[in-house]
Structure formats: structure tokens, C-alpha cells
Amino acid sequence: MSHIVNIAFQGGTHGNYLRFCIDKFSTLTANIQDTPFTENKTSHKALDYSGAVNRYHPTDEAPFFKHTDEPHILITVDKDDLIYIERWVTMRAGDHKVDITKESINLSNSFLANFQWAGKFKKYYNLDVTKEQIPKFLMRDFYKLSFIDTDKNGFIELDYKLRSNKPKNTFCFPVASFWDKDKFFDTLQQASEYLKLELDISDKSVHDSFINGLSFMDTKDRAKDVIQAIRNNQDIDITGLDVVEQAYISAWLEQNNEFIIVPLCDQFFQTTGEILAWLKHYPQHYKAMNPNLPKFNNIPNPFHLWNLKK
């Protein structure tokens, strides 16, 4: 059957919830009375969907998309979205429930089939994640690398390919719109008008349940607030940061301070005052070109290029 719209999305970017909203609100389909939320707060619950709204994960190789002659919504990801998405995507995407904030992390076979981590951990750390746990300090470093060079982040790499090769009749739906009720329904209405979905959005209360089910909404911008405190030479407690937030701040520190590398250990800084003191007294004899940074003074970093060849 033909579809009124196809939703192409990367795992964890709320494509199932968007399918629910369009199927529920479109006058072209029967109304859905139930909600899609599972015990894990995702929108993966089996409902009596019409079948007119298709959703799928596009591939990372041509032709990327299915049903390219039909209308599409592409859920897009920007670099500013990464600090929030990365904090919970391993828990929500596919309901894998992998909590990367623990002191050590076990990865299931189903998780490894969907997240290409096994080869990277073997290459970077000589760690076989199919047999061994990931210690916290390596988990932080792994995320730090993705924040240092966001062009190489998996979400961003695939997003670039998808935007560059999207079907002709495609509406781009920013993932960040989902995290604000007004922005979400404004964007949904724009998609309806662009693709002629004929949505009748009379009851917006379901999005309250969606927002309440998202992890870390109350601390979504906490890492950015910590960075602002460092900029302002302000001493605040940061013991509540999770490992992804620690990685984001570590990446920022290395990007914005020449010739330093954040320590590779389980213990992280307890306050921004500790970070400021560490920066001030970083030993001169340890300062050297950081091999993790793609560029230095806007010039390709030879140490980074050498690392890529290994």
C-alpha cells in the first residue's frame, strides 16, 4: 500500500512517537485512543495503527531511503543536540536499556548489533566488549572523542548523508523540536501543511506524557551551565554530572586550552574550582600537542592525522 508519509529517523530520535502523533491526529486515518508509551517510557507499544504512516531507519549507504516516490519526514540531528541525546540513547533506542552511567558497563549482543562499538573499543582500548565490562574512565574517554570531533560522531555523519540524499518531497523535522511542547506542535503543523497530512491537533496533552517520560529533562543543559561557570571563574559543585556530561566538559576543556589532556581515571573533578586550579597549575613539562584534536589554530593536526592512520 502507499503511505501518506514515511518517517525516516535514526534510532533514539523519536520516530515511533511521531508516527503515533500523525496517525492519531490525521483526518486521513482512524483515531487512536490509547497511548504508545512502554514501561521504559519509549513509544514502542503495539497499537492498532492504520499502516498509512510508515517509519523506518534509513541505511548509511545508497540509496539510503525506501519508498522515495512517497512523502517523507526526516528527523534531523544537529551538533548541539548531541550532549542530550547521548545521555539516554543507549537506554531508549530499541529498548536496549544499557545504562552507561554505571561504574562498569555490560553490553548485550542485541545492543552491539545496533551500536557499532565492538570494533571501536577493540581498536582504541584493546577491550573486547563482547566478553569484558567497560570501566567508567574508558566510557568517558570514548564519549569525549566523539565530542572533540563532532563531524565524526555517528549521528552527525549519518545525518549529513541523509540530508544530502533525501527524497524530493521531504520535510526536515529537527529532533530538538520534540523537547519543547510548543515547538513540537508548531513543527508538526508545518509538516502537515507541507505534506498535506490534514492533521487536526485538538488535544495536545499526550505530549506532556512524552516529555515526562524523557530522561534528564531537568538537567538537559547542565553541562553547558558548568562550562559557563568555568568561563566566569565561578566555583560550583559538579558531583552530580553523569559520565556523558563529564565527557562533554572534558572535550570542551581540551578544545579551549592549549596542550592539555584531561586525566584518564575513574575519579572526575568535584567542583569547577578544582578544574580552574588544574588549568592554572597544569605542569609545563607535560604540555604537548593534543593528538585528539583534528585541528590546531585551524591547521590540520599532524598528530591527529597520524593517529587516524594507525
Protein backbone atom coordinates (compact mmCIF):
# COMPACT_ATOMS: atom_id res chain seq x y z
CA MET A 1 0.00 0.00 0.00
CA SER A 2 1.08 3.60 -0.48
CA HIS A 3 1.71 5.72 2.60
CA ILE A 4 0.57 9.24 3.39
CA VAL A 5 4.05 9.77 4.82
CA ASN A 6 7.26 7.88 5.62
CA ILE A 7 9.24 8.83 8.72
CA ALA A 8 12.98 8.24 8.33
CA PHE A 9 14.90 8.52 11.59
CA GLN A 10 17.97 7.38 13.46
CA GLY A 11 17.42 5.15 16.47
CA GLY A 12 16.52 7.12 19.58
CA THR A 13 15.25 10.24 17.78
CA HIS A 14 11.54 9.69 18.50
CA GLY A 15 10.37 8.39 15.14
CA ASN A 16 7.89 6.00 16.74
CA TYR A 17 6.32 8.78 18.74
CA LEU A 18 6.00 10.94 15.63
CA ARG A 19 4.32 8.04 13.82
CA PHE A 20 1.82 7.83 16.68
CA CYS A 21 1.03 11.57 16.58
CA ILE A 22 0.47 11.67 12.83
CA ASP A 23 -1.65 8.51 12.85
CA LYS A 24 -3.67 9.85 15.80
CA PHE A 25 -4.24 13.40 14.56
CA SER A 26 -4.59 12.92 10.81
CA THR A 27 -8.14 13.02 9.49
CA LEU A 28 -6.95 10.61 6.81
CA THR A 29 -6.64 7.81 9.37
CA ALA A 30 -8.77 6.43 12.19
CA ASN A 31 -8.29 7.99 15.61
CA ILE A 32 -6.15 6.13 18.16
CA GLN A 33 -7.50 6.16 21.71
CA ASP A 34 -4.56 4.55 23.56
CA THR A 35 -1.07 5.98 24.13
CA PRO A 36 2.15 4.41 22.79
CA PHE A 37 4.26 4.53 25.95
CA THR A 38 6.02 1.46 27.35
CA GLU A 39 7.35 0.82 30.84
CA ASN A 40 10.68 2.15 29.53
CA LYS A 41 8.88 5.42 28.60
CA THR A 42 9.51 4.85 24.89
CA SER A 43 6.81 4.87 22.19
CA HIS A 44 7.25 1.23 21.20
CA LYS A 45 3.92 -0.11 22.48
CA ALA A 46 1.98 -2.13 19.90
CA LEU A 47 -1.19 -0.28 18.89
CA ASP A 48 -3.83 -0.60 16.18
CA TYR A 49 -2.04 1.63 13.69
CA SER A 50 -3.54 2.34 10.28
CA GLY A 51 -0.46 1.34 8.30
CA ALA A 52 -0.69 4.60 6.36
CA VAL A 53 2.17 6.16 8.33
CA ASN A 54 5.39 4.22 7.78
CA ARG A 55 8.54 4.64 9.85
CA TYR A 56 11.96 3.10 9.38
CA HIS A 57 15.69 3.53 9.95
CA PRO A 58 17.44 4.55 6.73
CA THR A 59 20.75 2.88 5.87
CA ASP A 60 24.16 4.53 5.78
CA GLU A 61 24.75 3.50 2.18
CA ALA A 62 22.99 4.44 -1.06
CA PRO A 63 20.14 4.59 -1.76
CA PHE A 64 19.65 5.32 1.99
CA PHE A 65 15.83 5.66 1.81
CA LYS A 66 12.85 3.45 0.96
CA HIS A 67 9.69 4.49 -0.94
CA THR A 68 11.47 7.50 -2.38
CA ASP A 69 8.48 8.40 -4.57
CA GLU A 70 6.32 8.97 -1.45
CA PRO A 71 6.27 11.92 1.01
CA HIS A 72 8.88 11.79 3.76
CA ILE A 73 9.69 13.32 7.12
CA LEU A 74 13.39 13.17 8.01
CA ILE A 75 14.15 13.67 11.70
CA THR A 76 17.39 15.63 11.76
CA VAL A 77 20.15 15.87 14.35
CA ASP A 78 22.40 18.90 14.90
CA LYS A 79 25.67 19.04 16.85
CA ASP A 80 24.05 20.98 19.71
CA ASP A 81 21.65 18.06 20.21
CA LEU A 82 24.40 15.53 20.96
CA ILE A 83 25.01 16.32 24.63
CA TYR A 84 21.36 15.50 25.41
CA ILE A 85 20.79 12.58 23.04
CA GLU A 86 23.95 10.74 24.04
CA ARG A 87 22.92 10.73 27.71
CA TRP A 88 19.94 8.44 27.16
CA VAL A 89 20.01 6.96 23.66
CA THR A 90 21.55 3.68 24.87
CA MET A 91 18.66 3.31 27.32
CA ARG A 92 15.80 4.17 24.94
CA ALA A 93 16.80 3.21 21.39
CA GLY A 94 15.31 -0.20 20.70
CA ASP A 95 14.61 -0.50 24.45
CA HIS A 96 18.13 -1.88 24.94
CA LYS A 97 18.27 -0.35 28.44
CA VAL A 98 22.06 -0.02 28.56
CA ASP A 99 22.91 2.41 31.38
CA ILE A 100 26.27 3.96 30.53
CA THR A 101 26.36 5.94 33.80
CA LYS A 102 27.29 2.89 35.91
CA GLU A 103 30.80 2.27 37.26
CA SER A 104 31.18 -0.56 34.71
CA ILE A 105 29.00 -1.31 31.70
CA ASN A 106 27.93 -4.61 30.17
CA LEU A 107 26.76 -4.62 26.55
CA SER A 108 24.25 -7.16 25.25
CA ASN A 109 24.53 -8.87 21.88
CA SER A 110 21.38 -7.08 20.69
CA PHE A 111 22.90 -3.73 21.65
CA LEU A 112 26.15 -4.49 19.82
CA ALA A 113 24.17 -5.47 16.74
CA ASN A 114 22.70 -1.96 16.60
CA PHE A 115 25.59 0.11 18.01
CA GLN A 116 28.94 -0.39 16.29
CA TRP A 117 31.01 -0.22 19.46
CA ALA A 118 32.84 -3.57 19.47
CA GLY A 119 35.38 -2.66 16.78
CA LYS A 120 35.99 0.81 18.21
CA PHE A 121 36.67 -0.38 21.76
CA LYS A 122 38.99 -3.06 20.45
CA LYS A 123 40.88 -0.52 18.32
CA TYR A 124 41.03 2.30 20.86
CA TYR A 125 41.44 0.39 24.13
CA ASN A 126 42.21 -3.25 23.24
CA LEU A 127 38.97 -4.15 25.04
CA ASP A 128 36.69 -6.98 23.89
CA VAL A 129 33.27 -5.66 24.89
CA THR A 130 31.63 -8.96 23.94
CA LYS A 131 33.42 -10.52 26.92
CA GLU A 132 34.56 -7.67 29.18
CA GLN A 133 32.89 -4.82 31.02
CA ILE A 134 33.68 -1.24 30.07
CA PRO A 135 35.16 0.70 33.02
CA LYS A 136 33.84 4.17 33.67
CA PHE A 137 37.05 6.00 32.74
CA LEU A 138 37.07 4.40 29.28
CA MET A 139 33.38 5.15 28.78
CA ARG A 140 34.09 8.81 29.49
CA ASP A 141 37.05 8.87 27.12
CA PHE A 142 35.01 7.17 24.38
CA TYR A 143 32.35 9.87 24.54
CA LYS A 144 34.98 12.60 24.85
CA LEU A 145 36.44 11.60 21.50
CA SER A 146 33.03 11.89 19.85
CA PHE A 147 32.52 15.38 21.31
CA ILE A 148 36.00 16.58 20.35
CA ASP A 149 35.40 15.81 16.68
CA THR A 150 31.64 16.01 16.23
CA ASP A 151 31.98 15.70 12.46
CA LYS A 152 32.93 12.07 13.14
CA ASN A 153 30.06 11.46 15.56
CA GLY A 154 27.84 8.66 14.24
CA PHE A 155 24.64 10.72 14.48
CA ILE A 156 26.19 13.66 12.62
CA GLU A 157 27.89 11.57 9.93
CA LEU A 158 24.67 9.78 9.05
CA ASP A 159 22.57 12.93 9.34
CA TYR A 160 24.79 14.63 6.74
CA LYS A 161 24.39 11.71 4.34
CA LEU A 162 20.63 11.64 4.80
CA ARG A 163 20.10 15.37 4.34
CA SER A 164 22.28 15.28 1.22
CA ASN A 165 20.35 12.39 -0.33
CA LYS A 166 16.80 12.85 0.96
CA PRO A 167 13.82 12.16 -1.33
CA LYS A 168 12.46 15.14 -3.24
CA ASN A 169 9.27 15.55 -1.19
CA THR A 170 10.83 15.61 2.30
CA PHE A 171 10.13 17.74 5.36
CA CYS A 172 13.05 18.01 7.81
CA PHE A 173 11.90 17.75 11.44
CA PRO A 174 14.60 18.80 13.98
CA VAL A 175 14.87 16.34 16.85
CA ALA A 176 15.20 19.22 19.32
CA SER A 177 11.61 20.23 18.49
CA PHE A 178 10.38 17.18 20.38
CA TRP A 179 11.82 18.51 23.64
CA ASP A 180 9.62 21.63 23.73
CA LYS A 181 5.83 21.26 23.57
CA ASP A 182 5.15 24.48 21.64
CA LYS A 183 8.00 23.90 19.17
CA PHE A 184 6.88 20.32 18.61
CA PHE A 185 3.31 21.18 17.66
CA ASP A 186 4.40 24.19 15.60
CA THR A 187 6.78 21.94 13.64
CA LEU A 188 4.15 19.21 13.36
CA GLN A 189 1.68 21.72 11.90
CA GLN A 190 4.30 22.89 9.40
CA ALA A 191 4.88 19.28 8.36
CA SER A 192 1.14 18.78 7.96
CA GLU A 193 0.81 21.80 5.69
CA TYR A 194 3.90 20.93 3.65
CA LEU A 195 2.96 17.27 3.11
CA LYS A 196 -0.85 17.65 3.21
CA LEU A 197 -1.25 15.31 6.19
CA GLU A 198 -4.50 17.03 7.27
CA LEU A 199 -3.76 16.96 10.98
CA ASP A 200 -6.39 18.05 13.48
CA ILE A 201 -4.35 18.74 16.60
CA SER A 202 -7.14 19.40 19.06
CA ASP A 203 -5.70 17.71 22.16
CA LYS A 204 -2.02 18.29 22.95
CA SER A 205 -1.99 16.63 26.36
CA VAL A 206 -0.28 13.46 25.09
CA HIS A 207 2.95 15.43 24.71
CA ASP A 208 3.02 16.10 28.43
CA SER A 209 3.32 12.36 28.98
CA PHE A 210 6.02 12.19 26.31
CA ILE A 211 8.07 14.97 27.95
CA ASN A 212 7.63 13.45 31.41
CA GLY A 213 8.99 10.17 30.07
CA LEU A 214 12.21 11.68 28.74
CA SER A 215 15.27 11.14 30.87
CA PHE A 216 17.28 14.08 32.23
CA MET A 217 14.95 16.84 31.02
CA ASP A 218 15.55 18.78 34.24
CA THR A 219 19.33 18.66 33.64
CA LYS A 220 19.31 18.89 29.83
CA ASP A 221 21.61 21.93 29.76
CA ARG A 222 23.58 21.25 32.95
CA ALA A 223 26.90 20.58 31.20
CA LYS A 224 26.64 23.86 29.31
CA ASP A 225 25.90 25.65 32.61
CA VAL A 226 29.07 24.12 34.10
CA ILE A 227 31.13 25.39 31.16
CA GLN A 228 29.67 28.85 31.69
CA ALA A 229 30.71 28.67 35.35
CA ILE A 230 34.27 27.81 34.29
CA ARG A 231 34.27 30.76 31.88
CA ASN A 232 33.13 33.01 34.73
CA ASN A 233 35.73 31.66 37.20
CA GLN A 234 32.84 30.53 39.39
CA ASP A 235 33.26 27.64 41.83
CA ILE A 236 30.24 25.29 41.84
CA ASP A 237 29.67 21.67 42.81
CA ILE A 238 29.64 19.25 39.86
CA THR A 239 29.47 15.89 41.63
CA GLY A 240 26.07 15.18 40.05
CA LEU A 241 27.38 15.08 36.48
CA ASP A 242 26.99 11.79 34.64
CA VAL A 243 29.74 10.26 32.51
CA VAL A 244 28.49 11.79 29.24
CA GLU A 245 28.36 15.28 30.74
CA GLN A 246 31.86 14.74 32.13
CA ALA A 247 33.00 13.72 28.64
CA TYR A 248 31.41 16.81 27.07
CA ILE A 249 33.16 19.11 29.55
CA SER A 250 36.45 17.22 29.08
CA ALA A 251 36.21 17.73 25.32
CA TRP A 252 35.49 21.44 25.78
CA LEU A 253 38.49 21.80 28.12
CA GLU A 254 40.84 20.22 25.60
CA GLN A 255 39.42 22.24 22.71
CA ASN A 256 39.71 25.55 24.55
CA ASN A 257 43.02 25.16 26.39
CA GLU A 258 46.24 24.54 24.50
CA PHE A 259 48.43 21.49 25.11
CA ILE A 260 46.40 19.76 27.82
CA ILE A 261 44.73 16.37 28.14
CA VAL A 262 42.11 15.61 30.82
CA PRO A 263 43.27 12.79 33.15
CA LEU A 264 42.17 9.27 32.24
CA CYS A 265 40.87 7.95 35.57
CA ASP A 266 37.60 6.94 37.24
CA GLN A 267 37.52 9.99 39.51
CA PHE A 268 36.36 13.22 37.89
CA PHE A 269 36.62 16.76 39.18
CA GLN A 270 34.28 17.50 42.09
CA THR A 271 33.95 21.26 41.57
CA THR A 272 34.66 23.81 38.87
CA GLY A 273 37.14 25.32 41.34
CA GLU A 274 39.20 22.12 41.01
CA ILE A 275 39.10 22.46 37.22
CA LEU A 276 40.22 26.09 37.38
CA ALA A 277 43.12 25.21 39.72
CA TRP A 278 44.11 22.28 37.48
CA LEU A 279 44.18 24.54 34.43
CA LYS A 280 46.19 27.21 36.22
CA HIS A 281 48.83 24.80 37.51
CA TYR A 282 48.96 22.26 34.67
CA PRO A 283 52.67 21.28 34.60
CA GLN A 284 54.57 22.94 31.80
CA HIS A 285 56.68 19.84 31.23
CA TYR A 286 53.54 17.80 30.42
CA LYS A 287 52.16 20.25 27.88
CA ALA A 288 52.22 18.88 24.32
CA MET A 289 50.18 18.81 21.14
CA ASN A 290 46.90 17.01 21.81
CA PRO A 291 46.57 14.12 19.31
CA ASN A 292 42.79 14.03 19.74
CA LEU A 293 42.20 17.47 18.20
CA PRO A 294 41.62 17.41 14.42
CA LYS A 295 42.99 20.94 14.05
CA PHE A 296 45.29 23.30 15.92
CA ASN A 297 44.97 27.02 15.13
CA ASN A 298 42.77 25.99 12.19
CA ILE A 299 45.61 23.92 10.71
CA PRO A 300 45.32 20.10 10.39
CA ASN A 301 46.96 18.49 13.40
CA PRO A 302 49.72 16.10 12.18
CA PHE A 303 49.49 14.03 15.37
CA HIS A 304 45.76 13.54 14.83
CA LEU A 305 46.32 12.58 11.20
CA TRP A 306 48.97 10.08 12.28
CA ASN A 307 46.52 8.58 14.77
CA LEU A 308 43.93 8.10 12.03
CA LYS A 309 46.40 6.04 10.01
CA LYS A 310 47.12 3.61 12.83
